[in-house]
Amino acid sequence: MIIGEKPPVALPDLSLQASAESSVPARDSFGSLLEGVDESLKQADTSAARYAAGQTDITNAVLSAEQATVHFDYLMAIRRQALAAYQQIMNLAY
């Protein structure tokens, strides 16, 4: 790590698990998930640009890119599950 550079950010909690006492609507949870993924992708872009400018090392750039990939893959898995649930519900109607 280069002196003065911030250490890599820990993975944010992207889970959609809601407790029984939680009063947060699902849309707010999903919205925060989208914001977390968006922030992760922006951080990866910034890290890649910093690497290209010689301001950071390859380790931080690759780490940021991998974190963004994991977050995006997680989001796509949730999307697939939601779509499959929707399709099952629509099949029950006919």
C-alpha atoms as a PDB file:
ATOM      1  CA  MET A   1       0.000   0.000   0.000  1.00  0.00           C
ATOM      2  CA  ILE A   2       1.249   3.484  -0.810  1.00  0.00           C
ATOM      3  CA  ILE A   3       1.806   5.854   2.095  1.00  0.00           C
ATOM      4  CA  GLY A   4      -1.204   8.062   2.706  1.00  0.00           C
ATOM      5  CA  GLU A   5      -3.566   5.772   0.834  1.00  0.00           C
ATOM      6  CA  LYS A   6      -6.697   4.509   2.542  1.00  0.00           C
ATOM      7  CA  PRO A   7      -6.774   0.754   3.234  1.00  0.00           C
ATOM      8  CA  PRO A   8      -9.274  -1.312   1.237  1.00  0.00           C
ATOM      9  CA  VAL A   9     -12.824  -1.016   2.475  1.00  0.00           C
ATOM     10  CA  ALA A  10     -14.400  -4.042   4.125  1.00  0.00           C
ATOM     11  CA  LEU A  11     -17.289  -5.662   2.306  1.00  0.00           C
ATOM     12  CA  PRO A  12     -20.571  -3.988   3.232  1.00  0.00           C
ATOM     13  CA  ASP A  13     -23.378  -6.075   4.646  1.00  0.00           C
ATOM     14  CA  LEU A  14     -25.490  -6.763   1.568  1.00  0.00           C
ATOM     15  CA  SER A  15     -27.835  -9.270   3.144  1.00  0.00           C
ATOM     16  CA  LEU A  16     -31.566  -8.865   2.748  1.00  0.00           C
ATOM     17  CA  GLN A  17     -32.311 -10.822   5.917  1.00  0.00           C
ATOM     18  CA  ALA A  18     -34.900  -8.950   7.968  1.00  0.00           C
ATOM     19  CA  SER A  19     -35.696  -9.839  11.533  1.00  0.00           C
ATOM     20  CA  ALA A  20     -39.261 -10.223  12.726  1.00  0.00           C
ATOM     21  CA  GLU A  21     -38.994  -6.959  14.670  1.00  0.00           C
ATOM     22  CA  SER A  22     -37.644  -5.010  11.706  1.00  0.00           C
ATOM     23  CA  SER A  23     -39.922  -2.254  10.510  1.00  0.00           C
ATOM     24  CA  VAL A  24     -37.812  -1.516   7.411  1.00  0.00           C
ATOM     25  CA  PRO A  25     -39.799  -2.224   4.230  1.00  0.00           C
ATOM     26  CA  ALA A  26     -38.276  -4.674   1.756  1.00  0.00           C
ATOM     27  CA  ARG A  27     -37.938  -1.945  -0.878  1.00  0.00           C
ATOM     28  CA  ASP A  28     -35.680   0.031   1.481  1.00  0.00           C
ATOM     29  CA  SER A  29     -33.534  -3.054   2.082  1.00  0.00           C
ATOM     30  CA  PHE A  30     -33.273  -3.704  -1.634  1.00  0.00           C
ATOM     31  CA  GLY A  31     -32.557  -0.030  -2.239  1.00  0.00           C
ATOM     32  CA  SER A  32     -29.684  -0.113   0.231  1.00  0.00           C
ATOM     33  CA  LEU A  33     -28.416  -3.266  -1.475  1.00  0.00           C
ATOM     34  CA  LEU A  34     -28.427  -1.482  -4.831  1.00  0.00           C
ATOM     35  CA  GLU A  35     -26.648   1.506  -3.328  1.00  0.00           C
ATOM     36  CA  GLY A  36     -23.995  -0.775  -1.811  1.00  0.00           C
ATOM     37  CA  VAL A  37     -23.371  -2.498  -5.131  1.00  0.00           C
ATOM     38  CA  ASP A  38     -23.252   0.846  -6.934  1.00  0.00           C
ATOM     39  CA  GLU A  39     -20.739   2.204  -4.412  1.00  0.00           C
ATOM     40  CA  SER A  40     -18.623  -0.926  -4.803  1.00  0.00           C
ATOM     41  CA  LEU A  41     -18.593  -0.553  -8.597  1.00  0.00           C
ATOM     42  CA  LYS A  42     -17.671   3.136  -8.320  1.00  0.00           C
ATOM     43  CA  GLN A  43     -14.855   2.302  -5.920  1.00  0.00           C
ATOM     44  CA  ALA A  44     -13.530  -0.312  -8.359  1.00  0.00           C
ATOM     45  CA  ASP A  45     -13.573   2.258 -11.177  1.00  0.00           C
ATOM     46  CA  THR A  46     -11.768   4.794  -9.008  1.00  0.00           C
ATOM     47  CA  SER A  47      -9.202   2.228  -7.943  1.00  0.00           C
ATOM     48  CA  ALA A  48      -8.554   1.229 -11.570  1.00  0.00           C
ATOM     49  CA  ALA A  49      -8.113   4.870 -12.556  1.00  0.00           C
ATOM     50  CA  ARG A  50      -5.720   5.404  -9.637  1.00  0.00           C
ATOM     51  CA  TYR A  51      -3.720   2.352 -10.705  1.00  0.00           C
ATOM     52  CA  ALA A  52      -3.548   3.649 -14.270  1.00  0.00           C
ATOM     53  CA  ALA A  53      -2.255   6.977 -12.918  1.00  0.00           C
ATOM     54  CA  GLY A  54       0.348   5.192 -10.781  1.00  0.00           C
ATOM     55  CA  GLN A  55      -1.233   6.282  -7.506  1.00  0.00           C
ATOM     56  CA  THR A  56      -1.910   2.802  -6.118  1.00  0.00           C
ATOM     57  CA  ASP A  57      -0.565  -0.695  -6.490  1.00  0.00           C
ATOM     58  CA  ILE A  58      -2.075  -3.563  -8.462  1.00  0.00           C
ATOM     59  CA  THR A  59      -3.169  -5.391  -5.308  1.00  0.00           C
ATOM     60  CA  ASN A  60      -5.637  -2.687  -4.277  1.00  0.00           C
ATOM     61  CA  ALA A  61      -6.943  -2.309  -7.830  1.00  0.00           C
ATOM     62  CA  VAL A  62      -7.567  -6.043  -8.219  1.00  0.00           C
ATOM     63  CA  LEU A  63      -9.062  -6.316  -4.739  1.00  0.00           C
ATOM     64  CA  SER A  64     -11.545  -3.531  -5.468  1.00  0.00           C
ATOM     65  CA  ALA A  65     -12.458  -5.105  -8.797  1.00  0.00           C
ATOM     66  CA  GLU A  66     -13.024  -8.510  -7.183  1.00  0.00           C
ATOM     67  CA  GLN A  67     -15.160  -7.013  -4.420  1.00  0.00           C
ATOM     68  CA  ALA A  68     -17.295  -5.282  -7.045  1.00  0.00           C
ATOM     69  CA  THR A  69     -17.618  -8.550  -8.969  1.00  0.00           C
ATOM     70  CA  VAL A  70     -18.737 -10.450  -5.870  1.00  0.00           C
ATOM     71  CA  HIS A  71     -21.284  -7.763  -4.990  1.00  0.00           C
ATOM     72  CA  PHE A  72     -22.672  -7.658  -8.525  1.00  0.00           C
ATOM     73  CA  ASP A  73     -22.882 -11.469  -8.727  1.00  0.00           C
ATOM     74  CA  TYR A  74     -24.754 -11.472  -5.413  1.00  0.00           C
ATOM     75  CA  LEU A  75     -27.200  -8.915  -6.778  1.00  0.00           C
ATOM     76  CA  MET A  76     -27.750 -10.984  -9.928  1.00  0.00           C
ATOM     77  CA  ALA A  77     -28.397 -14.107  -7.822  1.00  0.00           C
ATOM     78  CA  ILE A  78     -31.082 -12.235  -5.894  1.00  0.00           C
ATOM     79  CA  ARG A  79     -32.563 -11.009  -9.181  1.00  0.00           C
ATOM     80  CA  ARG A  80     -32.685 -14.566 -10.554  1.00  0.00           C
ATOM     81  CA  GLN A  81     -34.399 -15.830  -7.407  1.00  0.00           C
ATOM     82  CA  ALA A  82     -36.946 -13.022  -7.459  1.00  0.00           C
ATOM     83  CA  LEU A  83     -37.687 -13.640 -11.124  1.00  0.00           C
ATOM     84  CA  ALA A  84     -38.071 -17.386 -10.538  1.00  0.00           C
ATOM     85  CA  ALA A  85     -40.461 -16.715  -7.643  1.00  0.00           C
ATOM     86  CA  TYR A  86     -42.481 -14.333  -9.816  1.00  0.00           C
ATOM     87  CA  GLN A  87     -42.683 -16.908 -12.616  1.00  0.00           C
ATOM     88  CA  GLN A  88     -43.863 -19.592 -10.176  1.00  0.00           C
ATOM     89  CA  ILE A  89     -46.555 -17.289  -8.851  1.00  0.00           C
ATOM     90  CA  MET A  90     -47.701 -16.471 -12.388  1.00  0.00           C
ATOM     91  CA  ASN A  91     -47.826 -20.180 -13.251  1.00  0.00           C
ATOM     92  CA  LEU A  92     -50.096 -20.794 -10.252  1.00  0.00           C
ATOM     93  CA  ALA A  93     -52.605 -18.309 -11.650  1.00  0.00           C
ATOM     94  CA  TYR A  94     -53.214 -20.415 -14.778  1.00  0.00           C
END
